[in-house]
């Protein structure tokens, strides 16, 4: 249950997933820009999310469904995880570009 609570956003509606995904990306991107992280998250974010969903989130959602800990909601969590994975595969690359562009514009405004 603790594992599920930490990553619950990945098993919810797309807009919830996107909101928290963007916040984490922003946190890591700012750390990179400030020299506190060695790697630019933009270089691995798209592929990393696919791997995270494939090898951690979807298997976790299946386990939650199998043990029935959330009752009928378990099906919903698994379905959202699978749908989010599919949506990310389709739109994720463009979303990463959009996030970087938005962060840079915001930074330029603050520097002006």
PDB file of N, CA and C in Angstrom:
ATOM      1  N   UNK A   1       0.810  -1.198   0.000  1.00  0.00           N
ATOM      2  CA  UNK A   1       0.000   0.000   0.000  1.00  0.00           C
ATOM      3  C   UNK A   1       0.853   1.262   0.000  1.00  0.00           C
ATOM      4  N   UNK A   2       1.967   1.207   0.722  1.00  0.00           N
ATOM      5  CA  UNK A   2       2.852   2.370   0.764  1.00  0.00           C
ATOM      6  C   UNK A   2       3.422   2.640  -0.622  1.00  0.00           C
ATOM      7  N   UNK A   3       3.804   1.577  -1.322  1.00  0.00           N
ATOM      8  CA  UNK A   3       4.312   1.754  -2.684  1.00  0.00           C
ATOM      9  C   UNK A   3       3.251   2.401  -3.567  1.00  0.00           C
ATOM     10  N   UNK A   4       2.029   1.947  -3.445  1.00  0.00           N
ATOM     11  CA  UNK A   4       0.941   2.476  -4.284  1.00  0.00           C
ATOM     12  C   UNK A   4       0.660   3.943  -3.963  1.00  0.00           C
ATOM     13  N   UNK A   5       0.717   4.302  -2.694  1.00  0.00           N
ATOM     14  CA  UNK A   5       0.421   5.695  -2.348  1.00  0.00           C
ATOM     15  C   UNK A   5       1.471   6.645  -2.900  1.00  0.00           C
ATOM     16  N   UNK A   6       2.704   6.181  -2.988  1.00  0.00           N
ATOM     17  CA  UNK A   6       3.789   7.021  -3.488  1.00  0.00           C
ATOM     18  C   UNK A   6       3.657   7.316  -4.983  1.00  0.00           C
ATOM     19  N   UNK A   7       3.046   6.413  -5.707  1.00  0.00           N
ATOM     20  CA  UNK A   7       2.943   6.560  -7.168  1.00  0.00           C
ATOM     21  C   UNK A   7       1.490   6.546  -7.644  1.00  0.00           C
ATOM     22  N   UNK A   8       0.583   6.879  -6.764  1.00  0.00           N
ATOM     23  CA  UNK A   8      -0.849   6.804  -7.086  1.00  0.00           C
ATOM     24  C   UNK A   8      -1.231   7.637  -8.302  1.00  0.00           C
ATOM     25  N   UNK A   9      -0.523   8.748  -8.520  1.00  0.00           N
ATOM     26  CA  UNK A   9      -0.865   9.609  -9.659  1.00  0.00           C
ATOM     27  C   UNK A   9      -0.745   8.888 -10.999  1.00  0.00           C
ATOM     28  N   UNK A  10       0.093   7.873 -11.063  1.00  0.00           N
ATOM     29  CA  UNK A  10       0.281   7.146 -12.317  1.00  0.00           C
ATOM     30  C   UNK A  10      -0.892   6.220 -12.626  1.00  0.00           C
ATOM     31  N   UNK A  11      -1.726   5.974 -11.609  1.00  0.00           N
ATOM     32  CA  UNK A  11      -2.868   5.073 -11.762  1.00  0.00           C
ATOM     33  C   UNK A  11      -4.189   5.834 -11.662  1.00  0.00           C
ATOM     34  N   UNK A  12      -4.132   7.133 -11.971  1.00  0.00           N
ATOM     35  CA  UNK A  12      -5.323   7.966 -11.965  1.00  0.00           C
ATOM     36  C   UNK A  12      -5.510   8.577 -13.346  1.00  0.00           C
ATOM     37  N   UNK A  13      -6.554   9.366 -13.481  1.00  0.00           N
ATOM     38  CA  UNK A  13      -6.883   9.980 -14.764  1.00  0.00           C
ATOM     39  C   UNK A  13      -5.670  10.698 -15.361  1.00  0.00           C
ATOM     40  N   UNK A  14      -5.610  10.764 -16.678  1.00  0.00           N
ATOM     41  CA  UNK A  14      -4.487  11.357 -17.419  1.00  0.00           C
ATOM     42  C   UNK A  14      -4.103  12.741 -16.898  1.00  0.00           C
ATOM     43  N   UNK A  15      -5.076  13.603 -16.646  1.00  0.00           N
ATOM     44  CA  UNK A  15      -4.730  14.966 -16.216  1.00  0.00           C
ATOM     45  C   UNK A  15      -4.064  14.963 -14.837  1.00  0.00           C
ATOM     46  N   UNK A  16      -4.403  14.023 -13.979  1.00  0.00           N
ATOM     47  CA  UNK A  16      -3.737  13.907 -12.675  1.00  0.00           C
ATOM     48  C   UNK A  16      -2.310  13.404 -12.886  1.00  0.00           C
ATOM     49  N   UNK A  17      -2.163  12.388 -13.701  1.00  0.00           N
ATOM     50  CA  UNK A  17      -0.831  11.863 -14.031  1.00  0.00           C
ATOM     51  C   UNK A  17       0.059  12.977 -14.594  1.00  0.00           C
ATOM     52  N   UNK A  18      -0.469  13.723 -15.546  1.00  0.00           N
ATOM     53  CA  UNK A  18       0.302  14.797 -16.186  1.00  0.00           C
ATOM     54  C   UNK A  18       0.705  15.880 -15.182  1.00  0.00           C
ATOM     55  N   UNK A  19      -0.201  16.258 -14.323  1.00  0.00           N
ATOM     56  CA  UNK A  19       0.073  17.309 -13.335  1.00  0.00           C
ATOM     57  C   UNK A  19       1.265  16.927 -12.462  1.00  0.00           C
ATOM     58  N   UNK A  20       1.277  15.726 -11.923  1.00  0.00           N
ATOM     59  CA  UNK A  20       2.346  15.309 -11.018  1.00  0.00           C
ATOM     60  C   UNK A  20       3.615  14.947 -11.772  1.00  0.00           C
ATOM     61  N   UNK A  21       3.456  14.441 -12.995  1.00  0.00           N
ATOM     62  CA  UNK A  21       4.611  14.148 -13.836  1.00  0.00           C
ATOM     63  C   UNK A  21       5.358  15.443 -14.147  1.00  0.00           C
ATOM     64  N   UNK A  22       4.608  16.483 -14.483  1.00  0.00           N
ATOM     65  CA  UNK A  22       5.225  17.769 -14.800  1.00  0.00           C
ATOM     66  C   UNK A  22       5.911  18.372 -13.576  1.00  0.00           C
ATOM     67  N   UNK A  23       5.305  18.240 -12.425  1.00  0.00           N
ATOM     68  CA  UNK A  23       5.915  18.781 -11.206  1.00  0.00           C
ATOM     69  C   UNK A  23       7.240  18.086 -10.890  1.00  0.00           C
ATOM     70  N   UNK A  24       7.274  16.775 -11.033  1.00  0.00           N
ATOM     71  CA  UNK A  24       8.520  16.053 -10.787  1.00  0.00           C
ATOM     72  C   UNK A  24       9.568  16.421 -11.833  1.00  0.00           C
ATOM     73  N   UNK A  25       9.149  16.493 -13.090  1.00  0.00           N
ATOM     74  CA  UNK A  25      10.080  16.886 -14.149  1.00  0.00           C
ATOM     75  C   UNK A  25      10.655  18.266 -13.860  1.00  0.00           C
ATOM     76  N   UNK A  26       9.798  19.214 -13.490  1.00  0.00           N
ATOM     77  CA  UNK A  26      10.246  20.580 -13.206  1.00  0.00           C
ATOM     78  C   UNK A  26      11.275  20.576 -12.069  1.00  0.00           C
ATOM     79  N   UNK A  27      10.987  19.826 -11.023  1.00  0.00           N
ATOM     80  CA  UNK A  27      11.916  19.755  -9.893  1.00  0.00           C
ATOM     81  C   UNK A  27      13.287  19.240 -10.340  1.00  0.00           C
ATOM     82  N   UNK A  28      13.286  18.193 -11.159  1.00  0.00           N
ATOM     83  CA  UNK A  28      14.546  17.625 -11.630  1.00  0.00           C
ATOM     84  C   UNK A  28      15.230  18.543 -12.645  1.00  0.00           C
ATOM     85  N   UNK A  29      14.450  19.228 -13.470  1.00  0.00           N
ATOM     86  CA  UNK A  29      15.013  20.131 -14.472  1.00  0.00           C
ATOM     87  C   UNK A  29      15.667  21.340 -13.800  1.00  0.00           C
ATOM     88  N   UNK A  30      15.007  21.886 -12.808  1.00  0.00           N
ATOM     89  CA  UNK A  30      15.572  23.021 -12.070  1.00  0.00           C
ATOM     90  C   UNK A  30      16.862  22.596 -11.377  1.00  0.00           C
ATOM     91  N   UNK A  31      16.876  21.418 -10.785  1.00  0.00           N
ATOM     92  CA  UNK A  31      18.094  20.923 -10.135  1.00  0.00           C
ATOM     93  C   UNK A  31      19.231  20.815 -11.152  1.00  0.00           C
ATOM     94  N   UNK A  32      18.913  20.343 -12.350  1.00  0.00           N
ATOM     95  CA  UNK A  32      19.926  20.255 -13.404  1.00  0.00           C
ATOM     96  C   UNK A  32      20.415  21.648 -13.802  1.00  0.00           C
ATOM     97  N   UNK A  33      19.494  22.551 -14.031  1.00  0.00           N
ATOM     98  CA  UNK A  33      19.853  23.914 -14.430  1.00  0.00           C
ATOM     99  C   UNK A  33      20.712  24.618 -13.374  1.00  0.00           C
ATOM    100  N   UNK A  34      20.484  24.299 -12.111  1.00  0.00           N
ATOM    101  CA  UNK A  34      21.248  24.909 -11.023  1.00  0.00           C
ATOM    102  C   UNK A  34      22.536  24.150 -10.698  1.00  0.00           C
ATOM    103  N   UNK A  35      22.803  23.101 -11.458  1.00  0.00           N
ATOM    104  CA  UNK A  35      24.035  22.339 -11.254  1.00  0.00           C
ATOM    105  C   UNK A  35      23.973  21.327 -10.120  1.00  0.00           C
ATOM    106  N   UNK A  36      22.780  21.021  -9.641  1.00  0.00           N
ATOM    107  CA  UNK A  36      22.635  20.057  -8.550  1.00  0.00           C
ATOM    108  C   UNK A  36      22.321  18.653  -9.037  1.00  0.00           C
ATOM    109  N   UNK A  37      22.199  18.494 -10.340  1.00  0.00           N
ATOM    110  CA  UNK A  37      21.973  17.177 -10.944  1.00  0.00           C
ATOM    111  C   UNK A  37      22.862  17.077 -12.175  1.00  0.00           C
ATOM    112  N   UNK A  38      23.448  15.920 -12.373  1.00  0.00           N
ATOM    113  CA  UNK A  38      24.391  15.735 -13.481  1.00  0.00           C
ATOM    114  C   UNK A  38      23.706  15.591 -14.834  1.00  0.00           C
ATOM    115  N   UNK A  39      22.514  15.003 -14.836  1.00  0.00           N
ATOM    116  CA  UNK A  39      21.851  14.699 -16.104  1.00  0.00           C
ATOM    117  C   UNK A  39      20.622  15.567 -16.306  1.00  0.00           C
ATOM    118  N   UNK A  40      20.461  16.008 -17.543  1.00  0.00           N
ATOM    119  CA  UNK A  40      19.277  16.749 -17.942  1.00  0.00           C
ATOM    120  C   UNK A  40      18.128  15.749 -18.060  1.00  0.00           C
ATOM    121  N   UNK A  41      17.061  15.918 -17.274  1.00  0.00           N
ATOM    122  CA  UNK A  41      15.969  14.943 -17.336  1.00  0.00           C
ATOM    123  C   UNK A  41      15.303  14.875 -18.709  1.00  0.00           C
ATOM    124  N   UNK A  42      15.403  15.937 -19.487  1.00  0.00           N
ATOM    125  CA  UNK A  42      14.816  15.929 -20.825  1.00  0.00           C
ATOM    126  C   UNK A  42      15.444  14.848 -21.702  1.00  0.00           C
ATOM    127  N   UNK A  43      16.687  14.474 -21.394  1.00  0.00           N
ATOM    128  CA  UNK A  43      17.387  13.472 -22.199  1.00  0.00           C
ATOM    129  C   UNK A  43      16.850  12.061 -21.991  1.00  0.00           C
ATOM    130  N   UNK A  44      16.180  11.819 -20.874  1.00  0.00           N
ATOM    131  CA  UNK A  44      15.733  10.454 -20.575  1.00  0.00           C
ATOM    132  C   UNK A  44      14.275  10.364 -20.119  1.00  0.00           C
ATOM    133  N   UNK A  45      13.590  11.484 -20.035  1.00  0.00           N
ATOM    134  CA  UNK A  45      12.258  11.483 -19.423  1.00  0.00           C
ATOM    135  C   UNK A  45      11.250  10.626 -20.182  1.00  0.00           C
ATOM    136  N   UNK A  46      11.200  10.776 -21.486  1.00  0.00           N
ATOM    137  CA  UNK A  46      10.218  10.013 -22.271  1.00  0.00           C
ATOM    138  C   UNK A  46      10.422   8.513 -22.073  1.00  0.00           C
ATOM    139  N   UNK A  47      11.633   8.041 -22.330  1.00  0.00           N
ATOM    140  CA  UNK A  47      11.913   6.610 -22.212  1.00  0.00           C
ATOM    141  C   UNK A  47      11.805   6.142 -20.763  1.00  0.00           C
ATOM    142  N   UNK A  48      12.230   6.982 -19.845  1.00  0.00           N
ATOM    143  CA  UNK A  48      12.168   6.629 -18.435  1.00  0.00           C
ATOM    144  C   UNK A  48      10.745   6.407 -17.953  1.00  0.00           C
ATOM    145  N   UNK A  49       9.828   7.243 -18.412  1.00  0.00           N
ATOM    146  CA  UNK A  49       8.423   7.069 -18.026  1.00  0.00           C
ATOM    147  C   UNK A  49       7.854   5.771 -18.583  1.00  0.00           C
ATOM    148  N   UNK A  50       8.205   5.447 -19.823  1.00  0.00           N
ATOM    149  CA  UNK A  50       7.726   4.180 -20.389  1.00  0.00           C
ATOM    150  C   UNK A  50       8.233   3.002 -19.565  1.00  0.00           C
ATOM    151  N   UNK A  51       9.509   3.019 -19.229  1.00  0.00           N
ATOM    152  CA  UNK A  51      10.072   1.944 -18.423  1.00  0.00           C
ATOM    153  C   UNK A  51       9.452   1.883 -17.038  1.00  0.00           C
ATOM    154  N   UNK A  52       9.255   3.034 -16.425  1.00  0.00           N
ATOM    155  CA  UNK A  52       8.646   3.105 -15.102  1.00  0.00           C
ATOM    156  C   UNK A  52       7.240   2.511 -15.136  1.00  0.00           C
ATOM    157  N   UNK A  53       6.463   2.868 -16.142  1.00  0.00           N
ATOM    158  CA  UNK A  53       5.110   2.330 -16.269  1.00  0.00           C
ATOM    159  C   UNK A  53       5.135   0.836 -16.579  1.00  0.00           C
ATOM    160  N   UNK A  54       6.013   0.410 -17.483  1.00  0.00           N
ATOM    161  CA  UNK A  54       6.058  -0.996 -17.890  1.00  0.00           C
ATOM    162  C   UNK A  54       6.568  -1.938 -16.793  1.00  0.00           C
ATOM    163  N   UNK A  55       7.599  -1.502 -16.085  1.00  0.00           N
ATOM    164  CA  UNK A  55       8.277  -2.422 -15.182  1.00  0.00           C
ATOM    165  C   UNK A  55       7.972  -2.215 -13.703  1.00  0.00           C
ATOM    166  N   UNK A  56       7.272  -1.130 -13.388  1.00  0.00           N
ATOM    167  CA  UNK A  56       6.932  -0.907 -11.989  1.00  0.00           C
ATOM    168  C   UNK A  56       5.442  -0.654 -11.790  1.00  0.00           C
ATOM    169  N   UNK A  57       4.899   0.338 -12.474  1.00  0.00           N
ATOM    170  CA  UNK A  57       3.518   0.761 -12.224  1.00  0.00           C
ATOM    171  C   UNK A  57       2.496  -0.285 -12.653  1.00  0.00           C
ATOM    172  N   UNK A  58       2.573  -0.738 -13.875  1.00  0.00           N
ATOM    173  CA  UNK A  58       1.573  -1.703 -14.349  1.00  0.00           C
ATOM    174  C   UNK A  58       1.680  -3.023 -13.584  1.00  0.00           C
ATOM    175  N   UNK A  59       2.883  -3.560 -13.336  1.00  0.00           N
ATOM    176  CA  UNK A  59       2.949  -4.764 -12.484  1.00  0.00           C
ATOM    177  C   UNK A  59       2.396  -4.521 -11.068  1.00  0.00           C
ATOM    178  N   UNK A  60       2.666  -3.356 -10.507  1.00  0.00           N
ATOM    179  CA  UNK A  60       2.127  -3.035  -9.189  1.00  0.00           C
ATOM    180  C   UNK A  60       0.600  -2.975  -9.238  1.00  0.00           C
ATOM    181  N   UNK A  61       0.055  -2.330 -10.253  1.00  0.00           N
ATOM    182  CA  UNK A  61      -1.403  -2.242 -10.387  1.00  0.00           C
ATOM    183  C   UNK A  61      -2.022  -3.631 -10.551  1.00  0.00           C
ATOM    184  N   UNK A  62      -1.331  -4.524 -11.263  1.00  0.00           N
ATOM    185  CA  UNK A  62      -1.826  -5.904 -11.409  1.00  0.00           C
ATOM    186  C   UNK A  62      -1.821  -6.625 -10.064  1.00  0.00           C
ATOM    187  N   UNK A  63      -0.758  -6.426  -9.279  1.00  0.00           N
ATOM    188  CA  UNK A  63      -0.702  -7.049  -7.950  1.00  0.00           C
ATOM    189  C   UNK A  63      -1.812  -6.528  -7.055  1.00  0.00           C
ATOM    190  N   UNK A  64      -2.063  -5.230  -7.110  1.00  0.00           N
ATOM    191  CA  UNK A  64      -3.136  -4.640  -6.307  1.00  0.00           C
ATOM    192  C   UNK A  64      -4.489  -5.214  -6.715  1.00  0.00           C
ATOM    193  N   UNK A  65      -4.664  -5.411  -8.010  1.00  0.00           N
ATOM    194  CA  UNK A  65      -5.909  -6.002  -8.498  1.00  0.00           C
ATOM    195  C   UNK A  65      -6.032  -7.446  -8.021  1.00  0.00           C
ATOM    196  N   UNK A  66      -4.951  -8.209  -8.151  1.00  0.00           N
ATOM    197  CA  UNK A  66      -4.979  -9.619  -7.773  1.00  0.00           C
ATOM    198  C   UNK A  66      -5.277  -9.820  -6.288  1.00  0.00           C
ATOM    199  N   UNK A  67      -4.733  -8.961  -5.437  1.00  0.00           N
ATOM    200  CA  UNK A  67      -4.967  -9.134  -4.004  1.00  0.00           C
ATOM    201  C   UNK A  67      -6.274  -8.481  -3.566  1.00  0.00           C
ATOM    202  N   UNK A  68      -6.888  -7.679  -4.428  1.00  0.00           N
ATOM    203  CA  UNK A  68      -8.189  -7.098  -4.149  1.00  0.00           C
ATOM    204  C   UNK A  68      -8.209  -6.067  -3.039  1.00  0.00           C
ATOM    205  N   UNK A  69      -7.058  -5.500  -2.735  1.00  0.00           N
ATOM    206  CA  UNK A  69      -6.962  -4.577  -1.612  1.00  0.00           C
ATOM    207  C   UNK A  69      -7.844  -3.338  -1.766  1.00  0.00           C
ATOM    208  N   UNK A  70      -8.101  -2.908  -2.985  1.00  0.00           N
ATOM    209  CA  UNK A  70      -8.932  -1.736  -3.216  1.00  0.00           C
ATOM    210  C   UNK A  70     -10.306  -2.097  -3.782  1.00  0.00           C
ATOM    211  N   UNK A  71     -10.667  -3.349  -3.716  1.00  0.00           N
ATOM    212  CA  UNK A  71     -11.971  -3.790  -4.220  1.00  0.00           C
ATOM    213  C   UNK A  71     -12.109  -3.534  -5.710  1.00  0.00           C
ATOM    214  N   UNK A  72     -13.287  -3.061  -6.103  1.00  0.00           N
ATOM    215  CA  UNK A  72     -13.538  -2.828  -7.525  1.00  0.00           C
ATOM    216  C   UNK A  72     -12.691  -1.694  -8.091  1.00  0.00           C
ATOM    217  N   UNK A  73     -12.184  -0.825  -7.238  1.00  0.00           N
ATOM    218  CA  UNK A  73     -11.336   0.280  -7.717  1.00  0.00           C
ATOM    219  C   UNK A  73     -10.019  -0.225  -8.294  1.00  0.00           C
ATOM    220  N   UNK A  74      -9.617  -1.426  -7.908  1.00  0.00           N
ATOM    221  CA  UNK A  74      -8.359  -1.983  -8.418  1.00  0.00           C
ATOM    222  C   UNK A  74      -8.360  -2.087  -9.934  1.00  0.00           C
ATOM    223  N   UNK A  75      -9.501  -2.468 -10.509  1.00  0.00           N
ATOM    224  CA  UNK A  75      -9.612  -2.520 -11.972  1.00  0.00           C
ATOM    225  C   UNK A  75      -9.387  -1.141 -12.570  1.00  0.00           C
ATOM    226  N   UNK A  76      -9.980  -0.139 -11.935  1.00  0.00           N
ATOM    227  CA  UNK A  76      -9.847   1.235 -12.411  1.00  0.00           C
ATOM    228  C   UNK A  76      -8.390   1.682 -12.391  1.00  0.00           C
ATOM    229  N   UNK A  77      -7.670   1.373 -11.328  1.00  0.00           N
ATOM    230  CA  UNK A  77      -6.265   1.775 -11.222  1.00  0.00           C
ATOM    231  C   UNK A  77      -5.427   1.123 -12.325  1.00  0.00           C
ATOM    232  N   UNK A  78      -5.653  -0.155 -12.551  1.00  0.00           N
ATOM    233  CA  UNK A  78      -4.916  -0.844 -13.613  1.00  0.00           C
ATOM    234  C   UNK A  78      -5.268  -0.247 -14.974  1.00  0.00           C
ATOM    235  N   UNK A  79      -6.543  -0.008 -15.211  1.00  0.00           N
ATOM    236  CA  UNK A  79      -6.957   0.563 -16.496  1.00  0.00           C
ATOM    237  C   UNK A  79      -6.335   1.932 -16.725  1.00  0.00           C
ATOM    238  N   UNK A  80      -6.321   2.769 -15.701  1.00  0.00           N
ATOM    239  CA  UNK A  80      -5.705   4.094 -15.851  1.00  0.00           C
ATOM    240  C   UNK A  80      -4.207   3.975 -16.103  1.00  0.00           C
ATOM    241  N   UNK A  81      -3.540   3.070 -15.419  1.00  0.00           N
ATOM    242  CA  UNK A  81      -2.095   2.895 -15.638  1.00  0.00           C
ATOM    243  C   UNK A  81      -1.823   2.505 -17.087  1.00  0.00           C
ATOM    244  N   UNK A  82      -2.604   1.579 -17.607  1.00  0.00           N
ATOM    245  CA  UNK A  82      -2.421   1.126 -18.993  1.00  0.00           C
ATOM    246  C   UNK A  82      -2.760   2.255 -19.972  1.00  0.00           C
ATOM    247  N   UNK A  83      -3.837   2.989 -19.704  1.00  0.00           N
ATOM    248  CA  UNK A  83      -4.213   4.107 -20.581  1.00  0.00           C
ATOM    249  C   UNK A  83      -3.160   5.222 -20.541  1.00  0.00           C
ATOM    250  N   UNK A  84      -2.656   5.513 -19.361  1.00  0.00           N
ATOM    251  CA  UNK A  84      -1.624   6.548 -19.247  1.00  0.00           C
ATOM    252  C   UNK A  84      -0.362   6.141 -19.978  1.00  0.00           C
ATOM    253  N   UNK A  85      -0.028   4.867 -19.913  1.00  0.00           N
ATOM    254  CA  UNK A  85       1.150   4.368 -20.629  1.00  0.00           C
ATOM    255  C   UNK A  85       0.959   4.563 -22.135  1.00  0.00           C
ATOM    256  N   UNK A  86      -0.208   4.209 -22.623  1.00  0.00           N
ATOM    257  CA  UNK A  86      -0.504   4.350 -24.052  1.00  0.00           C
ATOM    258  C   UNK A  86      -0.476   5.821 -24.479  1.00  0.00           C
ATOM    259  N   UNK A  87      -1.089   6.666 -23.676  1.00  0.00           N
ATOM    260  CA  UNK A  87      -1.118   8.106 -23.972  1.00  0.00           C
ATOM    261  C   UNK A  87       0.298   8.687 -23.948  1.00  0.00           C
ATOM    262  N   UNK A  88       1.095   8.260 -22.958  1.00  0.00           N
ATOM    263  CA  UNK A  88       2.466   8.755 -22.864  1.00  0.00           C
ATOM    264  C   UNK A  88       3.284   8.310 -24.073  1.00  0.00           C
ATOM    265  N   UNK A  89       3.083   7.078 -24.498  1.00  0.00           N
ATOM    266  CA  UNK A  89       3.815   6.591 -25.666  1.00  0.00           C
ATOM    267  C   UNK A  89       3.499   7.445 -26.893  1.00  0.00           C
ATOM    268  N   UNK A  90       2.256   7.844 -27.020  1.00  0.00           N
ATOM    269  CA  UNK A  90       1.821   8.637 -28.163  1.00  0.00           C
ATOM    270  C   UNK A  90       2.261  10.095 -28.059  1.00  0.00           C
ATOM    271  N   UNK A  91       2.110  10.690 -26.877  1.00  0.00           N
ATOM    272  CA  UNK A  91       2.291  12.137 -26.738  1.00  0.00           C
ATOM    273  C   UNK A  91       3.502  12.552 -25.912  1.00  0.00           C
ATOM    274  N   UNK A  92       4.155  11.614 -25.267  1.00  0.00           N
ATOM    275  CA  UNK A  92       5.200  11.937 -24.308  1.00  0.00           C
ATOM    276  C   UNK A  92       6.350  12.770 -24.847  1.00  0.00           C
ATOM    277  N   UNK A  93       6.838  12.438 -26.034  1.00  0.00           N
ATOM    278  CA  UNK A  93       7.966  13.215 -26.596  1.00  0.00           C
ATOM    279  C   UNK A  93       7.589  14.685 -26.760  1.00  0.00           C
ATOM    280  N   UNK A  94       6.405  14.921 -27.296  1.00  0.00           N
ATOM    281  CA  UNK A  94       5.941  16.301 -27.478  1.00  0.00           C
ATOM    282  C   UNK A  94       5.723  16.993 -26.138  1.00  0.00           C
ATOM    283  N   UNK A  95       5.248  16.255 -25.169  1.00  0.00           N
ATOM    284  CA  UNK A  95       5.010  16.827 -23.840  1.00  0.00           C
ATOM    285  C   UNK A  95       6.317  17.272 -23.202  1.00  0.00           C
ATOM    286  N   UNK A  96       7.367  16.475 -23.347  1.00  0.00           N
ATOM    287  CA  UNK A  96       8.672  16.861 -22.799  1.00  0.00           C
ATOM    288  C   UNK A  96       9.147  18.159 -23.439  1.00  0.00           C
ATOM    289  N   UNK A  97       9.016  18.268 -24.746  1.00  0.00           N
ATOM    290  CA  UNK A  97       9.404  19.498 -25.450  1.00  0.00           C
ATOM    291  C   UNK A  97       8.567  20.674 -24.945  1.00  0.00           C
ATOM    292  N   UNK A  98       7.265  20.466 -24.779  1.00  0.00           N
ATOM    293  CA  UNK A  98       6.388  21.525 -24.280  1.00  0.00           C
ATOM    294  C   UNK A  98       6.794  21.972 -22.877  1.00  0.00           C
ATOM    295  N   UNK A  99       7.130  21.014 -22.013  1.00  0.00           N
ATOM    296  CA  UNK A  99       7.521  21.359 -20.649  1.00  0.00           C
ATOM    297  C   UNK A  99       8.802  22.183 -20.647  1.00  0.00           C
ATOM    298  N   UNK A 100       9.785  21.777 -21.423  1.00  0.00           N
ATOM    299  CA  UNK A 100      11.049  22.512 -21.478  1.00  0.00           C
ATOM    300  C   UNK A 100      10.817  23.923 -22.010  1.00  0.00           C
ATOM    301  N   UNK A 101      10.042  24.029 -23.070  1.00  0.00           N
ATOM    302  CA  UNK A 101       9.741  25.335 -23.656  1.00  0.00           C
ATOM    303  C   UNK A 101       9.052  26.239 -22.630  1.00  0.00           C
ATOM    304  N   UNK A 102       8.081  25.700 -21.916  1.00  0.00           N
ATOM    305  CA  UNK A 102       7.363  26.489 -20.906  1.00  0.00           C
ATOM    306  C   UNK A 102       8.289  26.920 -19.773  1.00  0.00           C
ATOM    307  N   UNK A 103       9.164  26.042 -19.325  1.00  0.00           N
ATOM    308  CA  UNK A 103      10.084  26.379 -18.239  1.00  0.00           C
ATOM    309  C   UNK A 103      11.068  27.459 -18.679  1.00  0.00           C
ATOM    310  N   UNK A 104      11.558  27.357 -19.907  1.00  0.00           N
ATOM    311  CA  UNK A 104      12.508  28.362 -20.412  1.00  0.00           C
ATOM    312  C   UNK A 104      11.852  29.721 -20.555  1.00  0.00           C
ATOM    313  N   UNK A 105      10.609  29.749 -21.049  1.00  0.00           N
ATOM    314  CA  UNK A 105       9.884  31.014 -21.165  1.00  0.00           C
ATOM    315  C   UNK A 105       9.671  31.635 -19.795  1.00  0.00           C
ATOM    316  N   UNK A 106       9.329  30.803 -18.838  1.00  0.00           N
ATOM    317  CA  UNK A 106       9.115  31.288 -17.475  1.00  0.00           C
ATOM    318  C   UNK A 106      10.411  31.844 -16.893  1.00  0.00           C
ATOM    319  N   UNK A 107      11.516  31.142 -17.131  1.00  0.00           N
ATOM    320  CA  UNK A 107      12.821  31.614 -16.663  1.00  0.00           C
ATOM    321  C   UNK A 107      13.188  32.949 -17.305  1.00  0.00           C
ATOM    322  N   UNK A 108      12.935  33.090 -18.599  1.00  0.00           N
ATOM    323  CA  UNK A 108      13.245  34.340 -19.297  1.00  0.00           C
ATOM    324  C   UNK A 108      12.435  35.498 -18.735  1.00  0.00           C
ATOM    325  N   UNK A 109      11.179  35.260 -18.385  1.00  0.00           N
ATOM    326  CA  UNK A 109      10.340  36.296 -17.789  1.00  0.00           C
ATOM    327  C   UNK A 109      10.906  36.761 -16.459  1.00  0.00           C
ATOM    328  N   UNK A 110      11.359  35.806 -15.658  1.00  0.00           N
ATOM    329  CA  UNK A 110      11.908  36.139 -14.337  1.00  0.00           C
ATOM    330  C   UNK A 110      13.247  36.878 -14.440  1.00  0.00           C
ATOM    331  N   UNK A 111      13.993  36.625 -15.517  1.00  0.00           N
ATOM    332  CA  UNK A 111      15.297  37.277 -15.685  1.00  0.00           C
ATOM    333  C   UNK A 111      15.139  38.700 -16.227  1.00  0.00           C
ATOM    334  N   UNK A 112      14.002  38.961 -16.874  1.00  0.00           N
ATOM    335  CA  UNK A 112      13.759  40.287 -17.479  1.00  0.00           C
ATOM    336  C   UNK A 112      13.400  41.318 -16.455  1.00  0.00           C
TER     337      UNK A 112
END
